[in-house]
Amino acid sequence: MASASVKVAVRVRPFNAREISREAKCVIQMQGKTTCITNPKQAKDAPKNFTFDYSYWSHTSEEDPSFASQWQVYKDIGEEMLLHAFEGYNVCIFAYGQTGAGKSYTMMGKQESGHQGIIPQLCKDLFARVSDNKCPNLSYSVEVSYMEIYCERVRDLLNPKSHGNLRVREHPIMGPYVEDLSKLAVTSFEDIADLMDCGNKARTVAATNMNETSSRSHAVFTIVFTQHRHDELTALDTEKVSKISLVDLAGSERADSSGAKGMRLKEGANINKSLTTLGKVISALAEMQSNKKKKSEFIPYRDSVLTWLLKENLGGNSRTAMIAALSPADINYEETLSTLRYADRAKQIRCNAIINEDPNARLIRELKEEVARLRDLLSAQGLSATPFPGTGTDRQADAAHAWRHSLLLPFSGLAGACGRQPPLGRGRWLLPFGSSGGS
């Protein structure tokens, strides 16, 4: 089991048209991994500093040496999570921030070259690595699903007949899942791109005062990545299954700022409710990590469909990364500060991820690791680890050699010391390799 903290990154976007028209001033500065925010109403106060795994400055143009491009964000976060998926771990990347802060751009991006987000870049990289596979005993399969959580109801974005009434269940081992959610097999990036485009067109968006294309739902794009391996040594067929969850959250918003009325107001209320529950879950998990004695503290996962579905990704069996999207404008100071505090809290969460493989595969892998460790130990002591001829394959001989050295080495020299027949039932003492003994 690998315990690791949630990776947290923040990214500040350029001014949008609304902020330019109101002559907004930038209140965010970044230096290395540190992000600073200045209160525009209290200029004499010291800036508030926050340190994260990554602080991405995307406020200026690409000519700026410190500018963080879409590719840079993927290289730091997406690529690492993809490598964990190939290792057999569940992984999750989710974007959080106020409405119009750049979450969808970071996760999905645009179709133009250089503007693709984490999700399409990760999918493209996944199939590039799969196509580079030269091992005849290793094969891959990929399945995808795409859903949105709209007003606390789950809708399948890849099924036109879905009307947003899918039920969330909980498996005793696999955790929460959506019943009857479409899961489609894909064999190339083009297949995934077509499905993503189809799902994005079906997603619920609307215009508000804060954002012309505001996401009115949380979107979860899931990739189930399976690696099938045939082990020639044991003649067993094993597999590792990784679940890659890529989440684009709807933005938190204030009704007076967004100008939401009627249905838009109801949508905003449900969005804020689920994000508030997410904040409570993150705070409870962070408190649990800071105070190890309070293990029995209640975590309100089921208070929202979003947090229920993300249960395993928040403090469970997953490698998780969070990207907090920031507005640089002074008119959004309160929301931006709230997002930074949210992200700072998430840093304290630790997830206990395990490699998802069947028990036989895990046992074989652990035994091979133990054999490798023993061989290294022998080499460090100056003992030979070369296999005997006629004892099978090289790997089998290496394993037998290391095992016999580690367990039976204490018997060496006992024949001369005891002057009696050996207790091994075959008329010979088993001495260290390279030694000789009497029969």
Foldseek 3Di string as FASTA:
>chain_A
DDKDAAAEEEEFAADDPVQVVVVFDFQWDDDFQKIWGAQPVCNVDDTDIDGGPYYAYCHDDPVDPRHQFQVNVCVVPVVVQLVVVVVQFAAEEEEAAAWPLCLCQQAAFDPDPRRGHNVLVSQQVNLVVQVPDPDPFKHKWKKKFKWWQFLQFIFGLQDPPTDGHWDWDADPPPGIDTPPTDIGTDNHSVVVVVSVVSSVVSFDFDAWLNHRTFGLTKMKMKMWMKMWGQDPVVRDIKMRIYIYIYIYAGRQDDCVRRVDDDPRVSSNVSSVQVVVLVLQQLLVQLVCLVPVVPPVDDRPQVSGPVSRVCVCVFQHAYRYYYYYRAYRGSVCSVRRVVSSVSSSSSRSHMYDHDRGIDPVVVVVVVLLVVLVVLCVVCVVVVHDQFFDPPPDDRVVRSSVLSVCCVPQAVQAPVCVVPVDADPPPPRWRDYRPPDDTDD
